[in-house]
């Protein structure tokens, strides 16, 4: 993967200028689900944004989940409007590699989506995910509804306990509202549903061996997880 070793977030004053218009040729439809990537979506559709390292593998996790209407990859949480991939890779835009998840609230829930989020990457690595280094690879969640915010806070606390029992450090995931994080800028066409178009393409996502308890189960009732300490 491309990327920058820059592991300190840039500032608004130091960020690249970007451009006033969206990137050209961003597709309208999801090549796997056949739905619109940009809406409008059916009544009852909600949108949640997550970042968990390289967005290629992250997007595939979510388009396969029941109740997901559409997904898209893009850049969010930074300063540079309508940034390009090359610009994001410099570390001078402040963006994460983010995934837009549009989902049917009657068929799934923020808790189930966040369960997949926590269980498929290491949220303790700061500006890194595996061998990918740089602020664009930081873990993040940007909510759009009060219900999502509540789910973010509850699942974070639940998974924090699981991580601690397994020898991991503190969660570094950035959590804030999408309004505060700023616009989601759609990435270039070739990034959208990349692993469907390139089945053998790079992916560093998969189960981390731990379970995020969701729902009404109290932390003292959650079974102990197997030892999956990170290598020293």
C-alpha atoms as a PDB file:
ATOM      1  CA  UNK A   1       0.000   0.000   0.000  1.00  0.00           C
ATOM      2  CA  UNK A   2       0.953   3.576  -0.459  1.00  0.00           C
ATOM      3  CA  UNK A   3       1.129   5.657   2.665  1.00  0.00           C
ATOM      4  CA  UNK A   4       3.016   8.105   4.787  1.00  0.00           C
ATOM      5  CA  UNK A   5       4.995   7.387   7.908  1.00  0.00           C
ATOM      6  CA  UNK A   6       3.556  10.629   9.292  1.00  0.00           C
ATOM      7  CA  UNK A   7       1.971   9.699  12.614  1.00  0.00           C
ATOM      8  CA  UNK A   8       1.106  13.143  13.963  1.00  0.00           C
ATOM      9  CA  UNK A   9      -2.042  14.782  12.664  1.00  0.00           C
ATOM     10  CA  UNK A  10      -1.538  17.841  10.531  1.00  0.00           C
ATOM     11  CA  UNK A  11      -3.177  21.147  11.401  1.00  0.00           C
ATOM     12  CA  UNK A  12      -5.680  23.146   9.384  1.00  0.00           C
ATOM     13  CA  UNK A  13      -3.031  25.755   8.633  1.00  0.00           C
ATOM     14  CA  UNK A  14      -0.573  23.145   7.341  1.00  0.00           C
ATOM     15  CA  UNK A  15      -3.086  21.076   5.361  1.00  0.00           C
ATOM     16  CA  UNK A  16      -3.121  20.903   1.581  1.00  0.00           C
ATOM     17  CA  UNK A  17      -5.539  23.263  -0.139  1.00  0.00           C
ATOM     18  CA  UNK A  18      -7.498  20.661  -2.105  1.00  0.00           C
ATOM     19  CA  UNK A  19     -10.121  21.736  -4.609  1.00  0.00           C
ATOM     20  CA  UNK A  20     -13.622  23.159  -4.734  1.00  0.00           C
ATOM     21  CA  UNK A  21     -15.210  20.423  -6.861  1.00  0.00           C
ATOM     22  CA  UNK A  22     -15.584  16.667  -6.279  1.00  0.00           C
ATOM     23  CA  UNK A  23     -13.231  14.243  -7.969  1.00  0.00           C
ATOM     24  CA  UNK A  24     -14.300  13.299 -11.482  1.00  0.00           C
ATOM     25  CA  UNK A  25     -15.974  10.019 -12.475  1.00  0.00           C
ATOM     26  CA  UNK A  26     -17.140   8.923  -9.033  1.00  0.00           C
ATOM     27  CA  UNK A  27     -19.610   6.115  -9.822  1.00  0.00           C
ATOM     28  CA  UNK A  28     -23.258   6.374  -8.910  1.00  0.00           C
ATOM     29  CA  UNK A  29     -23.969   2.695  -8.192  1.00  0.00           C
ATOM     30  CA  UNK A  30     -22.432   0.033  -5.991  1.00  0.00           C
ATOM     31  CA  UNK A  31     -21.068  -2.715  -8.236  1.00  0.00           C
ATOM     32  CA  UNK A  32     -21.854  -5.488  -5.715  1.00  0.00           C
ATOM     33  CA  UNK A  33     -25.170  -4.381  -4.204  1.00  0.00           C
ATOM     34  CA  UNK A  34     -26.521  -2.519  -7.239  1.00  0.00           C
ATOM     35  CA  UNK A  35     -27.702   0.341  -5.029  1.00  0.00           C
ATOM     36  CA  UNK A  36     -26.854   4.019  -5.113  1.00  0.00           C
ATOM     37  CA  UNK A  37     -23.616   4.933  -3.370  1.00  0.00           C
ATOM     38  CA  UNK A  38     -24.706   8.534  -2.950  1.00  0.00           C
ATOM     39  CA  UNK A  39     -28.427   8.315  -2.165  1.00  0.00           C
ATOM     40  CA  UNK A  40     -31.135   9.148  -1.768  1.00  0.00           C
ATOM     41  CA  UNK A  41     -31.803   5.849  -0.043  1.00  0.00           C
ATOM     42  CA  UNK A  42     -35.117   4.328   1.093  1.00  0.00           C
ATOM     43  CA  UNK A  43     -36.929   5.773   4.084  1.00  0.00           C
ATOM     44  CA  UNK A  44     -35.471   4.325   7.264  1.00  0.00           C
ATOM     45  CA  UNK A  45     -31.892   4.280   5.971  1.00  0.00           C
ATOM     46  CA  UNK A  46     -29.253   5.642   8.346  1.00  0.00           C
ATOM     47  CA  UNK A  47     -25.585   6.382   7.678  1.00  0.00           C
ATOM     48  CA  UNK A  48     -22.585   5.606   9.857  1.00  0.00           C
ATOM     49  CA  UNK A  49     -18.937   6.279   8.989  1.00  0.00           C
ATOM     50  CA  UNK A  50     -16.003   4.162  10.186  1.00  0.00           C
ATOM     51  CA  UNK A  51     -12.272   4.001   9.576  1.00  0.00           C
ATOM     52  CA  UNK A  52     -10.130   0.998  10.453  1.00  0.00           C
ATOM     53  CA  UNK A  53      -7.013   1.129   8.290  1.00  0.00           C
ATOM     54  CA  UNK A  54      -6.944   0.530   4.531  1.00  0.00           C
ATOM     55  CA  UNK A  55     -10.480   1.130   3.287  1.00  0.00           C
ATOM     56  CA  UNK A  56     -10.422  -1.653   0.684  1.00  0.00           C
ATOM     57  CA  UNK A  57     -10.818  -4.507   3.165  1.00  0.00           C
ATOM     58  CA  UNK A  58     -12.935  -2.476   5.551  1.00  0.00           C
ATOM     59  CA  UNK A  59     -15.562  -1.763   2.902  1.00  0.00           C
ATOM     60  CA  UNK A  60     -15.878  -5.444   1.976  1.00  0.00           C
ATOM     61  CA  UNK A  61     -16.629  -6.379   5.583  1.00  0.00           C
ATOM     62  CA  UNK A  62     -19.655  -4.092   5.634  1.00  0.00           C
ATOM     63  CA  UNK A  63     -21.172  -4.675   2.196  1.00  0.00           C
ATOM     64  CA  UNK A  64     -21.479  -8.353   3.192  1.00  0.00           C
ATOM     65  CA  UNK A  65     -23.479  -7.671   6.349  1.00  0.00           C
ATOM     66  CA  UNK A  66     -27.278  -8.147   6.456  1.00  0.00           C
ATOM     67  CA  UNK A  67     -29.232  -4.916   6.392  1.00  0.00           C
ATOM     68  CA  UNK A  68     -26.544  -2.847   4.690  1.00  0.00           C
ATOM     69  CA  UNK A  69     -28.057  -0.873   1.804  1.00  0.00           C
ATOM     70  CA  UNK A  70     -24.843   0.536   0.353  1.00  0.00           C
ATOM     71  CA  UNK A  71     -21.211   1.310   1.113  1.00  0.00           C
ATOM     72  CA  UNK A  72     -18.576   3.620  -0.324  1.00  0.00           C
ATOM     73  CA  UNK A  73     -14.999   4.561   0.483  1.00  0.00           C
ATOM     74  CA  UNK A  74     -13.688   8.054   0.887  1.00  0.00           C
ATOM     75  CA  UNK A  75     -11.756  10.528   2.974  1.00  0.00           C
ATOM     76  CA  UNK A  76     -13.053  12.093   6.200  1.00  0.00           C
ATOM     77  CA  UNK A  77     -12.013  13.656   9.466  1.00  0.00           C
ATOM     78  CA  UNK A  78      -9.466  16.069   8.041  1.00  0.00           C
ATOM     79  CA  UNK A  79      -9.224  19.449   6.369  1.00  0.00           C
ATOM     80  CA  UNK A  80      -8.505  19.174   2.637  1.00  0.00           C
ATOM     81  CA  UNK A  81     -11.678  19.429   0.515  1.00  0.00           C
ATOM     82  CA  UNK A  82     -12.061  16.858  -2.275  1.00  0.00           C
ATOM     83  CA  UNK A  83      -8.628  15.386  -1.620  1.00  0.00           C
ATOM     84  CA  UNK A  84      -7.052  12.819  -3.916  1.00  0.00           C
ATOM     85  CA  UNK A  85      -5.632   9.515  -2.727  1.00  0.00           C
ATOM     86  CA  UNK A  86      -2.113  10.732  -3.408  1.00  0.00           C
ATOM     87  CA  UNK A  87      -2.748  13.812  -1.264  1.00  0.00           C
ATOM     88  CA  UNK A  88      -4.187  11.756   1.593  1.00  0.00           C
ATOM     89  CA  UNK A  89      -1.118   9.521   1.473  1.00  0.00           C
ATOM     90  CA  UNK A  90       1.161  12.468   2.211  1.00  0.00           C
ATOM     91  CA  UNK A  91      -0.396  12.814   5.662  1.00  0.00           C
ATOM     92  CA  UNK A  92      -1.077  16.481   4.926  1.00  0.00           C
ATOM     93  CA  UNK A  93      -4.872  16.345   4.586  1.00  0.00           C
ATOM     94  CA  UNK A  94      -5.741  15.048   8.061  1.00  0.00           C
ATOM     95  CA  UNK A  95      -8.216  12.540   6.622  1.00  0.00           C
ATOM     96  CA  UNK A  96      -8.840   8.930   7.513  1.00  0.00           C
ATOM     97  CA  UNK A  97      -9.533   6.277   4.894  1.00  0.00           C
ATOM     98  CA  UNK A  98     -13.211   6.018   5.752  1.00  0.00           C
ATOM     99  CA  UNK A  99     -16.154   3.803   4.832  1.00  0.00           C
ATOM    100  CA  UNK A 100     -19.694   5.118   4.451  1.00  0.00           C
ATOM    101  CA  UNK A 101     -22.248   2.545   5.628  1.00  0.00           C
ATOM    102  CA  UNK A 102     -25.872   3.142   4.640  1.00  0.00           C
ATOM    103  CA  UNK A 103     -28.065   0.635   6.455  1.00  0.00           C
ATOM    104  CA  UNK A 104     -31.706  -0.256   6.989  1.00  0.00           C
ATOM    105  CA  UNK A 105     -32.456   0.452  10.636  1.00  0.00           C
ATOM    106  CA  UNK A 106     -35.246  -2.140  10.625  1.00  0.00           C
ATOM    107  CA  UNK A 107     -32.897  -4.949   9.555  1.00  0.00           C
ATOM    108  CA  UNK A 108     -29.727  -4.223  11.499  1.00  0.00           C
ATOM    109  CA  UNK A 109     -28.484  -1.906  14.222  1.00  0.00           C
ATOM    110  CA  UNK A 110     -25.507   0.323  15.013  1.00  0.00           C
ATOM    111  CA  UNK A 111     -24.486  -2.204  17.685  1.00  0.00           C
ATOM    112  CA  UNK A 112     -24.168  -5.016  15.124  1.00  0.00           C
ATOM    113  CA  UNK A 113     -22.254  -2.836  12.681  1.00  0.00           C
ATOM    114  CA  UNK A 114     -19.910  -1.708  15.442  1.00  0.00           C
ATOM    115  CA  UNK A 115     -19.443  -5.298  16.584  1.00  0.00           C
ATOM    116  CA  UNK A 116     -17.986  -6.007  13.123  1.00  0.00           C
ATOM    117  CA  UNK A 117     -15.881  -2.852  13.388  1.00  0.00           C
ATOM    118  CA  UNK A 118     -14.276  -3.728  16.718  1.00  0.00           C
ATOM    119  CA  UNK A 119     -13.746  -7.398  15.910  1.00  0.00           C
ATOM    120  CA  UNK A 120     -11.968  -6.919  12.577  1.00  0.00           C
ATOM    121  CA  UNK A 121      -9.056  -4.617  13.367  1.00  0.00           C
ATOM    122  CA  UNK A 122      -6.811  -3.559  16.237  1.00  0.00           C
ATOM    123  CA  UNK A 123      -8.210  -0.313  17.674  1.00  0.00           C
ATOM    124  CA  UNK A 124      -5.180   0.254  19.920  1.00  0.00           C
ATOM    125  CA  UNK A 125      -2.532   1.071  17.322  1.00  0.00           C
ATOM    126  CA  UNK A 126      -2.926   4.830  16.891  1.00  0.00           C
ATOM    127  CA  UNK A 127      -1.851   6.032  13.449  1.00  0.00           C
ATOM    128  CA  UNK A 128      -1.264   2.532  12.207  1.00  0.00           C
ATOM    129  CA  UNK A 129      -3.001  -0.677  11.210  1.00  0.00           C
ATOM    130  CA  UNK A 130      -0.662  -3.594  10.859  1.00  0.00           C
ATOM    131  CA  UNK A 131       2.143  -2.673   8.470  1.00  0.00           C
ATOM    132  CA  UNK A 132       0.290   0.424   7.231  1.00  0.00           C
ATOM    133  CA  UNK A 133       1.692   3.509   8.941  1.00  0.00           C
ATOM    134  CA  UNK A 134       0.311   7.029   8.892  1.00  0.00           C
ATOM    135  CA  UNK A 135      -2.536   9.154  10.198  1.00  0.00           C
ATOM    136  CA  UNK A 136      -4.794   8.076   7.320  1.00  0.00           C
ATOM    137  CA  UNK A 137      -4.879   4.568   8.847  1.00  0.00           C
ATOM    138  CA  UNK A 138      -6.122   5.618  12.275  1.00  0.00           C
ATOM    139  CA  UNK A 139      -9.215   3.989  13.719  1.00  0.00           C
ATOM    140  CA  UNK A 140     -12.300   6.224  13.841  1.00  0.00           C
ATOM    141  CA  UNK A 141     -16.089   6.248  14.112  1.00  0.00           C
ATOM    142  CA  UNK A 142     -18.245   9.200  13.081  1.00  0.00           C
ATOM    143  CA  UNK A 143     -21.912   8.982  14.061  1.00  0.00           C
ATOM    144  CA  UNK A 144     -24.948  10.733  12.571  1.00  0.00           C
ATOM    145  CA  UNK A 145     -27.693   9.967  15.130  1.00  0.00           C
ATOM    146  CA  UNK A 146     -28.020   9.959  18.923  1.00  0.00           C
ATOM    147  CA  UNK A 147     -28.677   6.219  18.806  1.00  0.00           C
ATOM    148  CA  UNK A 148     -25.412   5.650  16.992  1.00  0.00           C
ATOM    149  CA  UNK A 149     -23.546   7.789  19.496  1.00  0.00           C
ATOM    150  CA  UNK A 150     -24.949   5.739  22.365  1.00  0.00           C
ATOM    151  CA  UNK A 151     -23.952   2.523  20.582  1.00  0.00           C
ATOM    152  CA  UNK A 152     -20.428   3.837  19.969  1.00  0.00           C
ATOM    153  CA  UNK A 153     -19.945   4.649  23.644  1.00  0.00           C
ATOM    154  CA  UNK A 154     -21.454   1.374  24.889  1.00  0.00           C
ATOM    155  CA  UNK A 155     -19.584  -0.932  22.504  1.00  0.00           C
ATOM    156  CA  UNK A 156     -16.323   0.926  23.072  1.00  0.00           C
ATOM    157  CA  UNK A 157     -16.594   0.360  26.817  1.00  0.00           C
ATOM    158  CA  UNK A 158     -17.573  -3.267  26.320  1.00  0.00           C
ATOM    159  CA  UNK A 159     -14.677  -3.983  23.989  1.00  0.00           C
ATOM    160  CA  UNK A 160     -12.235  -2.046  26.164  1.00  0.00           C
ATOM    161  CA  UNK A 161     -12.726  -4.643  28.886  1.00  0.00           C
ATOM    162  CA  UNK A 162     -12.150  -7.470  26.407  1.00  0.00           C
ATOM    163  CA  UNK A 163      -8.941  -5.860  25.147  1.00  0.00           C
ATOM    164  CA  UNK A 164      -7.631  -5.352  28.657  1.00  0.00           C
ATOM    165  CA  UNK A 165      -8.222  -8.987  29.572  1.00  0.00           C
ATOM    166  CA  UNK A 166      -6.183  -9.989  26.539  1.00  0.00           C
ATOM    167  CA  UNK A 167      -3.192  -7.783  27.215  1.00  0.00           C
ATOM    168  CA  UNK A 168      -3.867  -4.975  24.740  1.00  0.00           C
ATOM    169  CA  UNK A 169      -3.391  -1.285  25.451  1.00  0.00           C
ATOM    170  CA  UNK A 170      -5.861   1.570  25.453  1.00  0.00           C
ATOM    171  CA  UNK A 171      -8.294   2.116  22.599  1.00  0.00           C
ATOM    172  CA  UNK A 172      -7.091   4.941  20.334  1.00  0.00           C
ATOM    173  CA  UNK A 173     -10.188   5.059  18.125  1.00  0.00           C
ATOM    174  CA  UNK A 174     -11.309   8.596  17.319  1.00  0.00           C
ATOM    175  CA  UNK A 175     -15.014   8.963  18.139  1.00  0.00           C
ATOM    176  CA  UNK A 176     -17.045  12.048  17.272  1.00  0.00           C
ATOM    177  CA  UNK A 177     -20.063  13.159  15.302  1.00  0.00           C
ATOM    178  CA  UNK A 178     -19.927  13.291  11.526  1.00  0.00           C
ATOM    179  CA  UNK A 179     -20.908  16.934  11.769  1.00  0.00           C
ATOM    180  CA  UNK A 180     -17.787  17.654  13.802  1.00  0.00           C
ATOM    181  CA  UNK A 181     -15.563  15.432  11.648  1.00  0.00           C
ATOM    182  CA  UNK A 182     -16.579  17.237   8.482  1.00  0.00           C
ATOM    183  CA  UNK A 183     -17.681  16.069   5.029  1.00  0.00           C
ATOM    184  CA  UNK A 184     -17.148  12.611   3.609  1.00  0.00           C
ATOM    185  CA  UNK A 185     -15.312  13.037   0.294  1.00  0.00           C
ATOM    186  CA  UNK A 186     -15.800  10.118  -2.089  1.00  0.00           C
ATOM    187  CA  UNK A 187     -12.592   8.414  -3.175  1.00  0.00           C
ATOM    188  CA  UNK A 188     -11.652   7.791  -6.773  1.00  0.00           C
ATOM    189  CA  UNK A 189     -13.615   5.256  -8.810  1.00  0.00           C
ATOM    190  CA  UNK A 190     -10.952   2.544  -8.721  1.00  0.00           C
ATOM    191  CA  UNK A 191     -11.073   2.437  -4.913  1.00  0.00           C
ATOM    192  CA  UNK A 192     -14.824   1.787  -4.753  1.00  0.00           C
ATOM    193  CA  UNK A 193     -15.518  -1.915  -4.063  1.00  0.00           C
ATOM    194  CA  UNK A 194     -11.853  -2.518  -4.848  1.00  0.00           C
ATOM    195  CA  UNK A 195     -11.679  -6.090  -3.565  1.00  0.00           C
ATOM    196  CA  UNK A 196     -14.660  -7.109  -5.679  1.00  0.00           C
ATOM    197  CA  UNK A 197     -12.888  -5.790  -8.766  1.00  0.00           C
ATOM    198  CA  UNK A 198      -9.533  -7.207  -7.596  1.00  0.00           C
ATOM    199  CA  UNK A 199     -10.268 -10.376  -5.586  1.00  0.00           C
ATOM    200  CA  UNK A 200      -6.582 -10.996  -4.916  1.00  0.00           C
ATOM    201  CA  UNK A 201      -5.920  -7.412  -3.861  1.00  0.00           C
ATOM    202  CA  UNK A 202      -4.281  -6.246  -0.667  1.00  0.00           C
ATOM    203  CA  UNK A 203      -6.323  -6.690   2.504  1.00  0.00           C
ATOM    204  CA  UNK A 204      -5.117  -6.651   6.106  1.00  0.00           C
ATOM    205  CA  UNK A 205      -8.510  -7.063   7.772  1.00  0.00           C
ATOM    206  CA  UNK A 206      -9.984 -10.091   9.443  1.00  0.00           C
ATOM    207  CA  UNK A 207     -11.148 -11.391  12.819  1.00  0.00           C
ATOM    208  CA  UNK A 208      -8.831 -10.330  15.637  1.00  0.00           C
ATOM    209  CA  UNK A 209      -9.846 -13.289  17.785  1.00  0.00           C
ATOM    210  CA  UNK A 210     -11.911 -11.316  20.277  1.00  0.00           C
ATOM    211  CA  UNK A 211     -15.659 -10.876  20.627  1.00  0.00           C
ATOM    212  CA  UNK A 212     -17.344  -7.548  21.233  1.00  0.00           C
ATOM    213  CA  UNK A 213     -20.343  -8.151  23.516  1.00  0.00           C
ATOM    214  CA  UNK A 214     -23.393  -6.179  22.440  1.00  0.00           C
ATOM    215  CA  UNK A 215     -26.858  -5.799  23.915  1.00  0.00           C
ATOM    216  CA  UNK A 216     -27.767  -6.171  27.563  1.00  0.00           C
ATOM    217  CA  UNK A 217     -24.981  -8.522  28.687  1.00  0.00           C
ATOM    218  CA  UNK A 218     -23.062  -6.977  31.577  1.00  0.00           C
ATOM    219  CA  UNK A 219     -19.289  -7.045  31.552  1.00  0.00           C
ATOM    220  CA  UNK A 220     -19.192  -9.343  34.569  1.00  0.00           C
ATOM    221  CA  UNK A 221     -21.268 -11.856  32.581  1.00  0.00           C
ATOM    222  CA  UNK A 222     -19.060 -11.890  29.463  1.00  0.00           C
ATOM    223  CA  UNK A 223     -17.057 -15.124  29.135  1.00  0.00           C
ATOM    224  CA  UNK A 224     -13.286 -14.711  29.280  1.00  0.00           C
ATOM    225  CA  UNK A 225     -11.678 -14.407  25.850  1.00  0.00           C
ATOM    226  CA  UNK A 226      -8.853 -16.630  24.730  1.00  0.00           C
ATOM    227  CA  UNK A 227      -5.340 -15.189  24.951  1.00  0.00           C
ATOM    228  CA  UNK A 228      -4.638 -13.236  21.777  1.00  0.00           C
ATOM    229  CA  UNK A 229      -1.945 -10.870  23.050  1.00  0.00           C
ATOM    230  CA  UNK A 230      -0.121  -8.972  20.323  1.00  0.00           C
ATOM    231  CA  UNK A 231       3.459 -10.086  19.731  1.00  0.00           C
ATOM    232  CA  UNK A 232       6.056  -8.203  21.781  1.00  0.00           C
END
